[in-house]
Amino acid sequence: MSALLLFLLAGLAEIGGGYLIWIWLREGKPFYFGITGAFLLASYGVVAAFQSFPAFGRVYAAYGGVFIVLSVLWGWGVDRKMPDMYDWAGAGICLVGVAVMLWGPRS
């Protein structure tokens, strides 16, 4: 359960930080949007480092799948862009890949 929570926190930090920088630069929001976004992006790396899985590459690869799902949800909830069947199917495939990478039997 803590692995899932850390993935969610890292994802929200990365997506939220990227979004704040996006709207700062593209929509002319005040500079503190960019500063806050940069802080969140840096905190993403810190949060992800608390994962208990031993291999950096595996954690970050698995996080990529979680990031995809969270990005689809962010687009739906924040940008009000309804995901279509292919978005949901792709997100589901990514989650299956995450499960295989993190919890697949290893010798």
Protein backbone atom coordinates (compact mmCIF):
# COMPACT_ATOMS: atom_id res chain seq x y z
CA MET A 1 0.00 0.00 0.00
CA SER A 2 2.83 2.42 0.75
CA ALA A 3 4.23 1.79 -2.75
CA LEU A 4 0.93 2.90 -4.29
CA LEU A 5 0.77 5.98 -2.09
CA LEU A 6 4.33 6.96 -3.02
CA PHE A 7 3.57 6.47 -6.73
CA LEU A 8 0.48 8.67 -6.37
CA LEU A 9 2.34 11.39 -4.48
CA ALA A 10 5.21 11.37 -6.96
CA GLY A 11 2.77 11.49 -9.86
CA LEU A 12 0.81 14.39 -8.43
CA ALA A 13 4.05 16.28 -7.77
CA GLU A 14 5.33 15.72 -11.31
CA ILE A 15 2.08 16.34 -13.13
CA GLY A 16 1.09 19.24 -10.90
CA GLY A 17 4.53 20.81 -11.23
CA GLY A 18 4.57 20.40 -14.98
CA TYR A 19 1.05 21.82 -15.21
CA LEU A 20 1.99 24.92 -13.18
CA ILE A 21 4.99 25.57 -15.40
CA TRP A 22 2.81 24.96 -18.48
CA ILE A 23 0.20 27.55 -17.46
CA TRP A 24 2.88 30.00 -16.28
CA LEU A 25 4.62 29.97 -19.66
CA ARG A 26 1.69 29.34 -22.01
CA GLU A 27 -1.09 31.24 -20.27
CA GLY A 28 0.91 34.08 -18.73
CA LYS A 29 0.28 33.22 -15.09
CA PRO A 30 2.45 34.98 -12.47
CA PHE A 31 6.05 33.82 -11.97
CA TYR A 32 5.26 32.10 -8.68
CA PHE A 33 3.32 29.47 -10.65
CA GLY A 34 6.61 28.57 -12.33
CA ILE A 35 8.56 28.62 -9.06
CA THR A 36 5.98 26.41 -7.36
CA GLY A 37 5.96 24.10 -10.37
CA ALA A 38 9.74 23.77 -10.26
CA PHE A 39 9.61 22.95 -6.53
CA LEU A 40 6.97 20.27 -7.16
CA LEU A 41 8.97 18.77 -10.01
CA ALA A 42 12.03 18.52 -7.76
CA SER A 43 9.96 17.00 -4.95
CA TYR A 44 8.78 14.29 -7.34
CA GLY A 45 12.31 12.88 -7.47
CA VAL A 46 12.59 12.95 -3.70
CA VAL A 47 9.25 11.19 -3.16
CA ALA A 48 10.06 8.50 -5.72
CA ALA A 49 13.34 7.77 -3.94
CA PHE A 50 11.41 6.53 -0.90
CA GLN A 51 10.15 3.46 -2.78
CA SER A 52 11.27 0.24 -1.13
CA PHE A 53 11.94 -1.57 -4.43
CA PRO A 54 15.71 -2.08 -4.81
CA ALA A 55 16.24 -1.21 -8.48
CA PHE A 56 16.12 2.43 -9.58
CA GLY A 57 15.41 1.59 -13.21
CA ARG A 58 12.55 -0.74 -12.36
CA VAL A 59 10.92 1.80 -10.05
CA TYR A 60 11.16 4.59 -12.60
CA ALA A 61 9.96 2.38 -15.44
CA ALA A 62 6.99 1.24 -13.37
CA TYR A 63 6.33 4.82 -12.33
CA GLY A 64 6.09 5.69 -16.03
CA GLY A 65 3.00 3.47 -16.27
CA VAL A 66 1.46 5.07 -13.21
CA PHE A 67 2.29 8.51 -14.64
CA ILE A 68 0.38 7.67 -17.82
CA VAL A 69 -2.73 6.72 -15.85
CA LEU A 70 -2.49 9.81 -13.66
CA SER A 71 -1.99 12.02 -16.71
CA VAL A 72 -5.18 10.67 -18.28
CA LEU A 73 -7.03 11.32 -15.03
CA TRP A 74 -5.49 14.81 -14.73
CA GLY A 75 -6.57 15.65 -18.26
CA TRP A 76 -10.08 14.50 -17.45
CA GLY A 77 -10.37 16.23 -14.08
CA VAL A 78 -8.40 19.42 -14.60
CA ASP A 79 -8.42 20.06 -18.36
CA ARG A 80 -11.95 18.65 -18.75
CA LYS A 81 -10.87 16.46 -21.69
CA MET A 82 -12.87 13.24 -21.53
CA PRO A 83 -10.64 10.21 -22.18
CA ASP A 84 -11.87 7.91 -24.92
CA MET A 85 -11.87 4.11 -25.06
CA TYR A 86 -8.30 4.05 -26.38
CA ASP A 87 -7.04 6.27 -23.57
CA TRP A 88 -8.59 3.93 -21.00
CA ALA A 89 -7.35 0.80 -22.79
CA GLY A 90 -3.82 2.19 -23.03
CA ALA A 91 -3.86 3.21 -19.37
CA GLY A 92 -5.04 -0.27 -18.38
CA ILE A 93 -2.30 -1.92 -20.41
CA CYS A 94 0.24 0.30 -18.67
CA LEU A 95 -1.03 -0.74 -15.24
CA VAL A 96 -0.72 -4.40 -16.20
CA GLY A 97 2.87 -3.68 -17.24
CA VAL A 98 3.54 -1.96 -13.91
CA ALA A 99 2.23 -4.97 -11.98
CA VAL A 100 4.35 -7.38 -14.02
CA MET A 101 7.49 -5.30 -13.54
CA LEU A 102 7.10 -4.73 -9.83
CA TRP A 103 5.52 -7.94 -8.58
CA GLY A 104 6.43 -10.56 -11.17
CA PRO A 105 8.22 -13.60 -9.75
CA ARG A 106 11.98 -13.31 -9.88
CA SER A 107 14.63 -15.91 -9.20
